[in-house]
Amino acid sequence: MGQNPMTKVQPPLLEMRAISKHFPGVQALHQVNLVLYPGEVLALMGENGAGKSTLMKVLVGAYQPSEGQIFIDGQQVRMKDPRAARALGIHLIYQEPNLAQHMSVQENIFLGAEKTQWGLLNASEMRKTTLRVLQEVGATFGPETLVRNLSRAEGQLVEIARALAFKPRVLVLDEPTSALSETESQRLFEIIKILRQQGIGIVYISHRMSEVYALADRVSVLRNGVLIGTLQRGPEDPSRSPVDPRRAGINAEKLVQMMLGQSLQDFQKAPPPPAHRPVVLELLGVTDGKKIKPTSLSLRQGEIVGLAGLVGSGRTELARLIAGVQPLKAGKVFLDGQLLDLHSPRDGVRAGMVYVPEDRVSEGLFTRMTVAENIAIGVLDKHTRLGLLNFPEVARQVKNTVTHLNIKLSTLGTAVEKLSGGNQQKLLLARYLSLKPKVLLLDEPTTGIDVSAKLDLYRTLSRLASEGMTILYITSETPELVQIADRVLVLREGELVGEIDPARGESLTHEHIMEFATGLKAFTAEDWKKRHQL
């Protein structure tokens, strides 16, 4: 990994001094100082709403600071807009890809910064650069590929490639692995190591502790717009192993305490529901005829059941089949013993089942609409009589929902795109909960949210389950399943291969989940019969 830049005597590449930012009625940042050295990876952590994104938007000129100064190589600079920041070699890659869907990869990379020669577009030079940066990020698509044909993870790779095309000096990565597979994430980490060796300073925003352990030289923590402190990697820990968090300087206990003043251990999982609770959701031989093999399972009232598996195992595809998002090729879905005729998500909603998608921006929320409008849109039918909408009742439900889920915002008229990732996730959940479902299908609900938001989510789901709601919780983060699930089902290559149920005396651990997920263990048809008498 090279020498820790903090062991050398050298001037900072970037300094942000006493940065403050005021919005109407909100003090977003207060006297924040940040220092970045050449060839350093500085992790920036804090709960959603702590000020991380605001601070970085000040850095790249998207926001102007109310107070404070920015220095590059010891010289004070003014970032009047993002173009000025890019001219100084400062690039910010946002958590959600910001790409022109109808344009090619190459056109997106050079959009607004096209290379010319003699007044004409230099297409050959742009193609050469595009091929180089796509190779650097390990992309399997080409310059002419239309962005609309790419997955969300591939779109993130285009964003990273776009920054690399212009030789950044400072690269800010905002939750860059939130949409990447394990293989793609490891490729990104290799790119970061190379950039670090080239002297590029990297600000890495992430809620994933293992990534911070593996990459960061220092970690700065914000809380409520204030810099709480900075931890530095000890010289005796050059390996950056993500396995052992007990390291000098940087460790999980310190970081969580700095971010929250509390620990994830403060959450206590509720006891599982009694075994005699009725079955609410039942699948018999459900398949799409492609990826998902005939699948049978049952969920009882008040259960939180985890659905685990490696990337590509079919977790999302199965959930979308259950909810009616994708058509069934064969099989039956029962809710409260009634056979469902599923042709669309609306059919599932009418029966009392909702699916909350992973991609909250493109599939779940209307980001240009307000918080109130996003919640209200799901309950208009419920509060309409004889063609007239009961506005006071809608307003009351919107306000109660925001309070109930602790969504942090200045007003109900706040645009969704202005919310932090954690608050967007709470809003998405609020919108679906307003439908009063019996069954809740959650797909990667903690993607891009912080420790505090996770605690809020865990507590909300635990409360909903205790009130009788049945929850299928899909995630690639096995520690979450251990933390919240009553039992866990495991998929591999579209097939249900195992179950871990503590009520049967089985130990619910990361290791046991991965044994099924990686193929070390698998139930036979006879095993399933013995367990559930199907």
Protein backbone atom coordinates (compact mmCIF):
# COMPACT_ATOMS: atom_id res chain seq x y z
CA MET A 1 0.00 0.00 0.00
CA GLY A 2 2.94 2.34 0.31
CA GLN A 3 4.02 4.64 3.11
CA ASN A 4 1.49 6.45 5.23
CA PRO A 5 1.60 10.06 3.99
CA MET A 6 1.26 11.27 7.57
CA THR A 7 4.72 9.84 8.37
CA LYS A 8 6.29 12.34 5.94
CA VAL A 9 6.84 16.02 6.53
CA GLN A 10 4.95 17.61 3.66
CA PRO A 11 2.45 20.42 3.16
CA PRO A 12 -1.24 19.58 2.81
CA LEU A 13 -2.71 19.19 -0.65
CA LEU A 14 -6.07 20.53 0.56
CA GLU A 15 -7.17 22.54 3.59
CA MET A 16 -10.69 23.59 4.50
CA ARG A 17 -10.53 26.09 7.36
CA ALA A 18 -13.40 27.05 9.66
CA ILE A 19 -16.06 26.20 7.08
CA SER A 20 -19.61 27.14 8.08
CA LYS A 21 -22.78 26.85 6.01
CA HIS A 22 -26.19 28.26 6.90
CA PHE A 23 -29.50 27.43 5.26
CA PRO A 24 -32.79 29.07 6.26
CA GLY A 25 -33.47 27.78 9.75
CA VAL A 26 -30.58 25.27 9.62
CA GLN A 27 -26.91 25.45 10.66
CA ALA A 28 -25.56 22.73 8.37
CA LEU A 29 -21.85 23.22 9.13
CA HIS A 30 -20.10 25.05 11.95
CA GLN A 31 -16.37 25.91 11.90
CA VAL A 32 -15.29 22.65 10.25
CA ASN A 33 -11.58 22.08 9.55
CA LEU A 34 -10.42 19.38 7.15
CA VAL A 35 -6.91 18.56 5.94
CA LEU A 36 -5.94 16.18 3.11
CA TYR A 37 -2.37 15.22 2.19
CA PRO A 38 -1.06 13.98 -1.18
CA GLY A 39 -1.41 10.22 -1.52
CA GLU A 40 -3.71 9.97 1.49
CA VAL A 41 -7.08 8.29 1.87
CA LEU A 42 -9.13 10.31 4.35
CA ALA A 43 -12.39 8.63 5.36
CA LEU A 44 -15.23 11.00 6.22
CA MET A 45 -17.88 9.47 8.46
CA GLY A 46 -21.00 10.56 10.29
CA GLU A 47 -24.68 9.77 10.36
CA ASN A 48 -26.92 10.98 7.54
CA GLY A 49 -27.55 14.68 8.03
CA ALA A 50 -24.22 15.14 9.86
CA GLY A 51 -22.96 17.49 7.13
CA LYS A 52 -20.67 15.25 5.06
CA SER A 53 -22.36 15.89 1.72
CA THR A 54 -22.77 19.61 2.47
CA LEU A 55 -19.05 19.92 3.26
CA MET A 56 -18.08 18.18 0.02
CA LYS A 57 -20.51 20.31 -1.99
CA VAL A 58 -18.78 23.37 -0.56
CA LEU A 59 -15.45 21.87 -1.64
CA VAL A 60 -16.56 21.39 -5.26
CA GLY A 61 -18.39 24.72 -5.56
CA ALA A 62 -21.93 23.36 -5.58
CA TYR A 63 -22.52 25.41 -2.41
CA GLN A 64 -20.80 28.61 -1.34
CA PRO A 65 -19.61 28.65 2.30
CA SER A 66 -21.18 31.16 4.68
CA GLU A 67 -17.77 31.41 6.35
CA GLY A 68 -14.31 29.90 5.95
CA GLN A 69 -11.59 29.42 3.38
CA ILE A 70 -10.27 26.68 1.09
CA PHE A 71 -6.57 26.24 0.27
CA ILE A 72 -4.92 24.12 -2.45
CA ASP A 73 -1.14 23.68 -2.11
CA GLY A 74 -1.19 26.46 0.48
CA GLN A 75 -2.87 28.95 -1.87
CA GLN A 76 -6.35 30.23 -1.05
CA VAL A 77 -8.86 29.47 -3.81
CA ARG A 78 -12.53 30.19 -4.39
CA MET A 79 -14.74 27.49 -5.84
CA LYS A 80 -17.34 29.63 -7.55
CA ASP A 81 -18.88 26.60 -9.24
CA PRO A 82 -18.14 22.89 -9.95
CA ARG A 83 -16.37 23.79 -13.20
CA ALA A 84 -13.84 25.86 -11.23
CA ALA A 85 -13.25 22.96 -8.86
CA ARG A 86 -12.70 20.53 -11.73
CA ALA A 87 -10.22 22.95 -13.29
CA LEU A 88 -8.21 22.63 -10.05
CA GLY A 89 -8.40 18.85 -10.24
CA ILE A 90 -11.14 18.34 -7.63
CA HIS A 91 -13.81 15.81 -8.59
CA LEU A 92 -16.81 14.56 -6.61
CA ILE A 93 -18.52 11.28 -7.50
CA TYR A 94 -21.98 11.30 -5.98
CA GLN A 95 -23.64 8.29 -4.41
CA GLU A 96 -26.37 8.20 -7.07
CA PRO A 97 -25.00 8.13 -10.66
CA ASN A 98 -25.71 11.38 -12.50
CA LEU A 99 -25.61 10.38 -16.15
CA ALA A 100 -27.45 11.23 -19.37
CA GLN A 101 -29.33 8.00 -20.03
CA HIS A 102 -29.83 8.55 -23.78
CA MET A 103 -26.14 9.19 -24.45
CA SER A 104 -23.20 6.83 -24.86
CA VAL A 105 -20.56 6.13 -22.22
CA GLN A 106 -18.01 8.21 -24.12
CA GLU A 107 -20.41 11.12 -24.54
CA ASN A 108 -21.12 11.07 -20.80
CA ILE A 109 -17.44 11.05 -19.88
CA PHE A 110 -16.71 14.14 -21.99
CA LEU A 111 -20.06 15.92 -21.62
CA GLY A 112 -19.30 19.63 -21.30
CA ALA A 113 -15.55 19.02 -21.66
CA GLU A 114 -15.24 17.67 -25.19
CA LYS A 115 -11.76 17.49 -26.72
CA THR A 116 -11.33 19.50 -29.90
CA GLN A 117 -8.70 20.01 -32.60
CA TRP A 118 -8.82 22.88 -35.10
CA GLY A 119 -12.32 23.68 -33.87
CA LEU A 120 -13.61 20.15 -34.49
CA LEU A 121 -14.39 17.36 -32.05
CA ASN A 122 -11.40 15.07 -31.62
CA ALA A 123 -13.36 11.82 -31.53
CA SER A 124 -10.33 9.55 -31.83
CA GLU A 125 -8.59 11.12 -28.83
CA MET A 126 -11.77 10.95 -26.73
CA ARG A 127 -12.25 7.30 -27.67
CA LYS A 128 -8.64 6.52 -26.78
CA THR A 129 -9.05 8.13 -23.35
CA THR A 130 -12.41 6.43 -22.79
CA LEU A 131 -10.96 3.00 -23.58
CA ARG A 132 -8.10 3.66 -21.15
CA VAL A 133 -10.24 4.71 -18.19
CA LEU A 134 -12.80 1.96 -18.80
CA GLN A 135 -9.96 -0.55 -18.67
CA GLU A 136 -8.68 1.02 -15.45
CA VAL A 137 -12.05 0.52 -13.71
CA GLY A 138 -12.43 -3.00 -15.09
CA ALA A 139 -15.52 -2.24 -17.18
CA THR A 140 -16.81 -4.89 -19.57
CA PHE A 141 -18.72 -2.43 -21.78
CA GLY A 142 -17.39 -0.09 -24.45
CA PRO A 143 -17.38 3.64 -25.28
CA GLU A 144 -20.41 3.37 -27.60
CA THR A 145 -22.65 1.59 -25.09
CA LEU A 146 -25.76 3.60 -24.23
CA VAL A 147 -25.94 4.40 -20.54
CA ARG A 148 -29.61 3.40 -20.38
CA ASN A 149 -28.51 -0.17 -21.15
CA LEU A 150 -26.17 -0.30 -18.15
CA SER A 151 -26.94 -1.57 -14.66
CA ARG A 152 -26.75 0.77 -11.69
CA ALA A 153 -23.38 -0.70 -10.74
CA GLU A 154 -22.04 -0.15 -14.27
CA GLY A 155 -23.29 3.44 -14.14
CA GLN A 156 -21.20 3.96 -11.01
CA LEU A 157 -18.15 2.71 -12.90
CA VAL A 158 -18.83 5.27 -15.64
CA GLU A 159 -18.86 8.03 -12.99
CA ILE A 160 -15.48 6.89 -11.67
CA ALA A 161 -14.07 6.59 -15.20
CA ARG A 162 -15.27 10.14 -15.97
CA ALA A 163 -13.24 11.51 -13.07
CA LEU A 164 -10.15 9.51 -14.02
CA ALA A 165 -10.29 10.88 -17.57
CA PHE A 166 -9.34 14.32 -16.25
CA LYS A 167 -6.44 13.31 -13.98
CA PRO A 168 -7.84 14.38 -10.61
CA ARG A 169 -5.63 15.70 -7.78
CA VAL A 170 -8.42 15.34 -5.22
CA LEU A 171 -11.08 12.66 -5.67
CA VAL A 172 -14.14 12.59 -3.42
CA LEU A 173 -16.02 9.27 -3.43
CA ASP A 174 -19.48 9.37 -1.82
CA GLU A 175 -20.56 5.81 -0.89
CA PRO A 176 -18.94 4.48 -4.09
CA THR A 177 -19.61 0.79 -3.39
CA SER A 178 -23.32 1.14 -2.59
CA ALA A 179 -24.27 -0.27 -6.00
CA LEU A 180 -21.22 -2.45 -6.67
CA SER A 181 -20.80 -6.20 -6.36
CA GLU A 182 -17.99 -7.66 -4.26
CA THR A 183 -15.84 -8.13 -7.37
CA GLU A 184 -16.49 -4.58 -8.57
CA SER A 185 -15.79 -3.20 -5.09
CA GLN A 186 -12.45 -5.02 -4.93
CA ARG A 187 -11.56 -3.59 -8.33
CA LEU A 188 -12.38 -0.10 -7.04
CA PHE A 189 -10.14 -0.65 -4.02
CA GLU A 190 -7.29 -1.61 -6.35
CA ILE A 191 -7.88 1.60 -8.34
CA ILE A 192 -7.80 3.62 -5.11
CA LYS A 193 -4.48 2.03 -4.15
CA ILE A 194 -3.01 2.97 -7.54
CA LEU A 195 -4.31 6.54 -7.33
CA ARG A 196 -2.93 6.85 -3.82
CA GLN A 197 0.51 5.79 -5.02
CA GLN A 198 0.26 8.48 -7.72
CA GLY A 199 -0.10 11.15 -5.02
CA ILE A 200 -3.82 11.77 -5.50
CA GLY A 201 -5.65 12.73 -2.31
CA ILE A 202 -8.87 10.80 -1.76
CA VAL A 203 -11.80 11.67 0.50
CA TYR A 204 -13.76 8.46 1.02
CA ILE A 205 -17.30 8.74 2.41
CA SER A 206 -18.67 5.43 3.61
CA HIS A 207 -20.75 3.82 6.35
CA ARG A 208 -19.06 0.45 5.88
CA MET A 209 -16.50 -0.06 8.62
CA SER A 210 -14.62 -2.82 6.76
CA GLU A 211 -13.95 -0.44 3.85
CA VAL A 212 -12.69 2.26 6.19
CA TYR A 213 -10.34 -0.23 7.90
CA ALA A 214 -9.04 -1.46 4.54
CA LEU A 215 -8.45 1.93 2.92
CA ALA A 216 -8.19 4.88 5.30
CA ASP A 217 -5.05 6.52 6.66
CA ARG A 218 -7.19 8.81 8.83
CA VAL A 219 -10.89 9.07 9.67
CA SER A 220 -12.66 12.38 10.37
CA VAL A 221 -16.10 12.27 11.98
CA LEU A 222 -18.87 14.87 11.70
CA ARG A 223 -21.91 15.11 13.93
CA ASN A 224 -24.61 17.76 13.58
CA GLY A 225 -22.40 19.85 11.32
CA VAL A 226 -19.44 19.89 13.72
CA LEU A 227 -16.10 18.09 13.39
CA ILE A 228 -16.01 15.75 16.40
CA GLY A 229 -12.47 14.54 15.80
CA THR A 230 -10.02 12.63 13.62
CA LEU A 231 -8.54 9.18 14.21
CA GLN A 232 -5.25 8.13 12.62
CA ARG A 233 -4.00 4.69 11.71
CA GLY A 234 -1.22 3.46 13.96
CA PRO A 235 2.21 2.85 12.41
CA GLU A 236 2.14 -0.74 13.69
CA ASP A 237 -0.83 -1.54 11.41
CA PRO A 238 0.37 -1.24 7.80
CA SER A 239 -1.69 -4.19 6.54
CA ARG A 240 -5.10 -2.49 6.45
CA SER A 241 -6.69 -5.83 7.20
CA PRO A 242 -10.47 -5.39 7.47
CA VAL A 243 -10.74 -8.45 9.71
CA ASP A 244 -9.42 -7.14 13.02
CA PRO A 245 -11.03 -3.86 14.08
CA ARG A 246 -8.97 -3.62 17.29
CA ARG A 247 -6.25 -1.42 15.89
CA ALA A 248 -4.34 1.53 17.25
CA GLY A 249 -6.17 4.74 16.46
CA ILE A 250 -9.01 3.47 14.25
CA ASN A 251 -11.60 1.11 15.70
CA ALA A 252 -15.34 0.59 15.48
CA GLU A 253 -16.13 1.41 19.10
CA LYS A 254 -14.46 4.82 18.89
CA LEU A 255 -16.03 5.66 15.54
CA VAL A 256 -19.57 4.72 16.51
CA GLN A 257 -19.23 6.61 19.79
CA MET A 258 -18.01 9.70 17.90
CA MET A 259 -20.82 9.47 15.34
CA LEU A 260 -23.70 8.75 17.70
CA GLY A 261 -22.80 8.67 21.33
CA GLN A 262 -24.28 5.15 21.29
CA SER A 263 -23.60 1.69 19.85
CA LEU A 264 -25.38 -0.72 17.54
CA GLN A 265 -25.41 -3.04 20.54
CA ASP A 266 -28.01 -0.69 22.04
CA PHE A 267 -30.51 -2.43 19.75
CA GLN A 268 -31.96 -5.54 21.35
CA LYS A 269 -33.73 -7.96 18.99
CA ALA A 270 -37.24 -8.81 20.13
CA PRO A 271 -37.97 -12.48 20.87
CA PRO A 272 -39.31 -14.40 17.84
CA PRO A 273 -43.08 -14.85 17.55
CA PRO A 274 -44.61 -18.07 18.90
CA ALA A 275 -44.40 -21.06 16.53
CA HIS A 276 -48.19 -21.39 16.51
CA ARG A 277 -48.64 -18.03 14.78
CA PRO A 278 -50.56 -18.47 11.48
CA VAL A 279 -48.81 -18.58 8.12
CA VAL A 280 -49.40 -15.28 6.31
CA LEU A 281 -47.36 -15.66 3.11
CA GLU A 282 -46.83 -18.99 1.37
CA LEU A 283 -45.09 -19.83 -1.91
CA LEU A 284 -45.54 -23.14 -3.73
CA GLY A 285 -43.25 -23.88 -6.67
CA VAL A 286 -42.79 -20.23 -7.63
CA THR A 287 -40.51 -19.72 -10.64
CA ASP A 288 -39.86 -17.26 -13.46
CA GLY A 289 -38.79 -20.08 -15.78
CA LYS A 290 -35.34 -18.53 -16.01
CA LYS A 291 -33.20 -17.65 -13.00
CA ILE A 292 -35.49 -18.64 -10.11
CA LYS A 293 -35.97 -22.38 -9.73
CA PRO A 294 -39.28 -23.64 -8.28
CA THR A 295 -39.34 -22.22 -4.75
CA SER A 296 -41.58 -23.04 -1.80
CA LEU A 297 -41.49 -21.23 1.55
CA SER A 298 -43.76 -19.82 4.23
CA LEU A 299 -43.64 -16.78 6.52
CA ARG A 300 -45.62 -16.52 9.75
CA GLN A 301 -47.34 -13.53 11.27
CA GLY A 302 -44.94 -11.21 13.08
CA GLU A 303 -41.77 -12.84 11.70
CA ILE A 304 -38.74 -11.03 10.34
CA VAL A 305 -37.24 -13.54 7.90
CA GLY A 306 -33.90 -12.78 6.29
CA LEU A 307 -33.19 -13.72 2.67
CA ALA A 308 -29.45 -14.14 2.10
CA GLY A 309 -27.23 -15.06 -0.83
CA LEU A 310 -24.28 -13.84 -2.83
CA VAL A 311 -24.63 -11.18 -5.53
CA GLY A 312 -26.51 -12.76 -8.44
CA SER A 313 -28.11 -15.47 -6.29
CA GLY A 314 -31.61 -14.32 -7.23
CA ARG A 315 -32.78 -12.61 -4.03
CA THR A 316 -34.19 -9.53 -5.76
CA GLU A 317 -35.68 -11.59 -8.60
CA LEU A 318 -37.55 -13.78 -6.11
CA ALA A 319 -38.91 -10.77 -4.21
CA ARG A 320 -40.10 -9.17 -7.45
CA LEU A 321 -41.88 -12.39 -8.39
CA ILE A 322 -43.63 -12.52 -5.02
CA ALA A 323 -44.75 -8.90 -5.34
CA GLY A 324 -46.02 -9.15 -8.91
CA VAL A 325 -43.31 -6.88 -10.34
CA GLN A 326 -42.17 -9.74 -12.58
CA PRO A 327 -44.60 -12.34 -14.00
CA LEU A 328 -44.75 -15.87 -12.64
CA LYS A 329 -44.02 -18.64 -15.11
CA ALA A 330 -45.39 -21.22 -12.69
CA GLY A 331 -46.24 -21.64 -9.03
CA LYS A 332 -48.69 -20.15 -6.55
CA VAL A 333 -48.57 -17.32 -4.00
CA PHE A 334 -50.98 -17.37 -1.06
CA LEU A 335 -51.70 -14.53 1.36
CA ASP A 336 -53.73 -15.45 4.44
CA GLY A 337 -54.63 -18.69 2.66
CA GLN A 338 -56.04 -16.92 -0.39
CA LEU A 339 -54.51 -17.62 -3.81
CA LEU A 340 -53.30 -14.36 -5.36
CA ASP A 341 -53.69 -13.53 -9.05
CA LEU A 342 -50.56 -11.40 -9.51
CA HIS A 343 -50.09 -9.42 -12.72
CA SER A 344 -48.63 -6.21 -11.30
CA PRO A 345 -47.46 -4.69 -7.99
CA ARG A 346 -50.92 -3.12 -7.66
CA ASP A 347 -52.40 -6.62 -7.28
CA GLY A 348 -50.03 -7.33 -4.42
CA VAL A 349 -50.77 -3.99 -2.75
CA ARG A 350 -54.50 -4.61 -2.94
CA ALA A 351 -53.98 -7.97 -1.22
CA GLY A 352 -51.88 -6.38 1.53
CA MET A 353 -48.31 -6.94 0.32
CA VAL A 354 -45.76 -4.26 -0.69
CA TYR A 355 -42.26 -4.45 -2.16
CA VAL A 356 -39.76 -1.73 -1.23
CA PRO A 357 -37.07 -1.70 -3.98
CA GLU A 358 -33.34 -1.31 -3.48
CA ASP A 359 -33.00 1.62 -5.90
CA ARG A 360 -34.98 4.24 -4.00
CA VAL A 361 -34.27 7.01 -6.52
CA SER A 362 -35.23 5.46 -9.87
CA GLU A 363 -37.84 2.97 -8.63
CA GLY A 364 -39.16 4.20 -5.31
CA LEU A 365 -39.33 7.98 -4.90
CA PHE A 366 -40.37 11.03 -6.89
CA THR A 367 -37.26 13.02 -6.07
CA ARG A 368 -38.43 16.33 -7.55
CA MET A 369 -41.62 16.23 -5.51
CA THR A 370 -41.91 17.15 -1.85
CA VAL A 371 -41.85 14.86 1.17
CA ALA A 372 -45.57 15.46 1.75
CA GLU A 373 -46.43 14.68 -1.88
CA ASN A 374 -44.42 11.44 -1.84
CA ILE A 375 -46.26 10.14 1.20
CA ALA A 376 -49.67 11.42 0.16
CA ILE A 377 -49.51 9.83 -3.28
CA GLY A 378 -49.80 6.40 -1.74
CA VAL A 379 -52.95 7.14 0.25
CA LEU A 380 -55.04 9.22 -2.15
CA ASP A 381 -57.45 6.35 -2.88
CA LYS A 382 -57.85 5.67 0.81
CA HIS A 383 -58.90 9.25 1.60
CA THR A 384 -61.09 9.94 -1.43
CA ARG A 385 -64.88 9.80 -1.16
CA LEU A 386 -67.26 10.43 -4.07
CA GLY A 387 -64.39 11.89 -6.06
CA LEU A 388 -63.41 14.36 -3.32
CA LEU A 389 -60.07 14.21 -1.49
CA ASN A 390 -60.08 14.69 2.30
CA PHE A 391 -57.12 17.09 2.47
CA PRO A 392 -57.07 17.46 6.29
CA GLU A 393 -56.95 13.69 6.75
CA VAL A 394 -54.14 13.32 4.19
CA ALA A 395 -52.17 16.10 5.90
CA ARG A 396 -52.67 14.45 9.30
CA GLN A 397 -51.40 11.09 8.04
CA VAL A 398 -48.39 12.69 6.35
CA LYS A 399 -47.42 14.52 9.54
CA ASN A 400 -47.91 11.45 11.72
CA THR A 401 -45.83 9.30 9.37
CA VAL A 402 -42.91 11.75 9.38
CA THR A 403 -42.97 11.93 13.17
CA HIS A 404 -43.38 8.17 13.61
CA LEU A 405 -40.31 7.34 11.50
CA ASN A 406 -38.20 10.25 12.76
CA ILE A 407 -37.60 11.70 9.28
CA LYS A 408 -35.36 14.74 9.72
CA LEU A 409 -36.34 17.73 7.57
CA SER A 410 -37.01 21.45 7.86
CA THR A 411 -40.52 21.40 6.36
CA LEU A 412 -42.91 18.92 4.73
CA GLY A 413 -42.43 20.96 1.58
CA THR A 414 -38.77 19.93 1.32
CA ALA A 415 -37.91 18.34 -2.03
CA VAL A 416 -36.93 14.67 -1.69
CA GLU A 417 -33.71 15.22 -3.65
CA LYS A 418 -32.53 17.50 -0.82
CA LEU A 419 -32.78 14.75 1.81
CA SER A 420 -29.89 12.60 2.99
CA GLY A 421 -29.76 8.96 1.94
CA GLY A 422 -31.00 7.78 5.33
CA ASN A 423 -33.96 10.13 5.33
CA GLN A 424 -34.81 9.17 1.75
CA GLN A 425 -34.86 5.53 2.85
CA LYS A 426 -37.13 6.35 5.80
CA LEU A 427 -39.41 8.30 3.46
CA LEU A 428 -39.62 5.40 1.03
CA LEU A 429 -40.52 3.08 3.90
CA ALA A 430 -43.05 5.63 5.19
CA ARG A 431 -44.78 5.78 1.83
CA TYR A 432 -45.27 2.02 1.70
CA LEU A 433 -46.23 1.73 5.37
CA SER A 434 -48.99 4.26 4.76
CA LEU A 435 -50.67 1.47 2.75
CA LYS A 436 -50.99 -0.60 5.97
CA PRO A 437 -49.55 -3.83 4.49
CA LYS A 438 -49.69 -7.26 6.10
CA VAL A 439 -46.44 -8.31 4.38
CA LEU A 440 -43.43 -6.06 3.79
CA LEU A 441 -40.72 -7.12 1.30
CA LEU A 442 -37.56 -5.05 1.88
CA ASP A 443 -34.75 -5.17 -0.70
CA GLU A 444 -31.35 -3.92 0.60
CA PRO A 445 -33.02 -1.33 2.88
CA THR A 446 -29.77 -0.05 4.43
CA THR A 447 -27.90 0.73 1.20
CA GLY A 448 -26.11 4.05 1.67
CA ILE A 449 -27.46 4.81 5.13
CA ASP A 450 -25.52 5.34 8.33
CA VAL A 451 -25.35 3.58 11.68
CA SER A 452 -27.94 5.86 13.28
CA ALA A 453 -30.41 5.34 10.43
CA LYS A 454 -29.84 1.57 10.69
CA LEU A 455 -30.69 1.67 14.38
CA ASP A 456 -33.87 3.62 13.60
CA LEU A 457 -34.77 1.09 10.88
CA TYR A 458 -34.13 -1.92 13.13
CA ARG A 459 -36.31 -0.45 15.87
CA THR A 460 -39.07 0.39 13.42
CA LEU A 461 -39.09 -3.10 11.91
CA SER A 462 -38.98 -4.74 15.34
CA ARG A 463 -41.99 -2.67 16.40
CA LEU A 464 -43.90 -3.48 13.20
CA ALA A 465 -43.23 -7.19 13.64
CA SER A 466 -44.40 -7.06 17.26
CA GLU A 467 -47.62 -5.49 15.96
CA GLY A 468 -48.13 -8.48 13.64
CA MET A 469 -46.55 -7.42 10.34
CA THR A 470 -44.65 -10.10 8.42
CA ILE A 471 -41.32 -8.94 6.97
CA LEU A 472 -38.98 -10.47 4.37
CA TYR A 473 -35.61 -8.72 4.79
CA ILE A 474 -33.23 -9.02 1.82
CA THR A 475 -29.63 -7.92 2.26
CA SER A 476 -26.07 -8.79 1.24
CA GLU A 477 -24.88 -7.62 4.69
CA THR A 478 -24.95 -10.79 6.78
CA PRO A 479 -24.28 -8.96 10.09
CA GLU A 480 -27.63 -7.22 9.60
CA LEU A 481 -29.39 -10.56 9.30
CA VAL A 482 -27.75 -11.76 12.50
CA GLN A 483 -28.81 -8.51 14.16
CA ILE A 484 -32.47 -8.42 13.15
CA ALA A 485 -33.79 -11.67 11.62
CA ASP A 486 -35.74 -14.35 13.48
CA ARG A 487 -34.51 -16.89 10.92
CA VAL A 488 -32.67 -16.78 7.59
CA LEU A 489 -33.31 -18.44 4.23
CA VAL A 490 -30.39 -18.72 1.80
CA LEU A 491 -30.48 -18.64 -2.01
CA ARG A 492 -27.74 -19.83 -4.34
CA GLU A 493 -27.98 -19.62 -8.13
CA GLY A 494 -31.74 -19.11 -7.97
CA GLU A 495 -32.38 -22.04 -5.65
CA LEU A 496 -33.37 -22.08 -1.98
CA VAL A 497 -30.54 -24.14 -0.46
CA GLY A 498 -30.79 -23.65 3.27
CA GLU A 499 -32.42 -22.25 6.38
CA ILE A 500 -30.98 -21.24 9.75
CA ASP A 501 -33.57 -21.12 12.51
CA PRO A 502 -32.47 -20.37 16.09
CA ALA A 503 -35.86 -21.68 17.29
CA ARG A 504 -34.60 -25.11 16.18
CA GLY A 505 -31.40 -24.67 18.16
CA GLU A 506 -29.37 -23.57 15.10
CA SER A 507 -26.74 -20.87 15.47
CA LEU A 508 -27.46 -17.81 13.33
CA THR A 509 -23.98 -16.56 12.40
CA HIS A 510 -22.21 -15.05 9.40
CA GLU A 511 -20.20 -18.26 9.00
CA HIS A 512 -23.26 -20.51 8.87
CA ILE A 513 -25.01 -18.24 6.34
CA MET A 514 -21.93 -18.25 4.10
CA GLU A 515 -21.66 -22.04 4.23
CA PHE A 516 -24.99 -22.24 2.42
CA ALA A 517 -24.35 -19.20 0.20
CA THR A 518 -21.02 -20.52 -1.11
CA GLY A 519 -22.12 -24.14 -1.61
CA LEU A 520 -20.35 -25.79 1.33
CA LYS A 521 -23.77 -26.93 2.57
CA ALA A 522 -27.18 -27.43 0.97
CA PHE A 523 -30.48 -28.94 2.03
CA THR A 524 -31.88 -31.84 0.06
CA ALA A 525 -35.56 -32.17 -0.82
CA GLU A 526 -35.88 -34.62 2.06
CA ASP A 527 -34.35 -32.07 4.46
CA TRP A 528 -37.01 -29.51 3.49
CA LYS A 529 -39.78 -32.07 3.94
CA LYS A 530 -38.60 -32.92 7.42
CA ARG A 531 -38.42 -29.27 8.44
CA HIS A 532 -41.69 -27.98 7.07
CA GLN A 533 -43.65 -31.08 6.08
CA LEU A 534 -44.28 -29.64 2.60
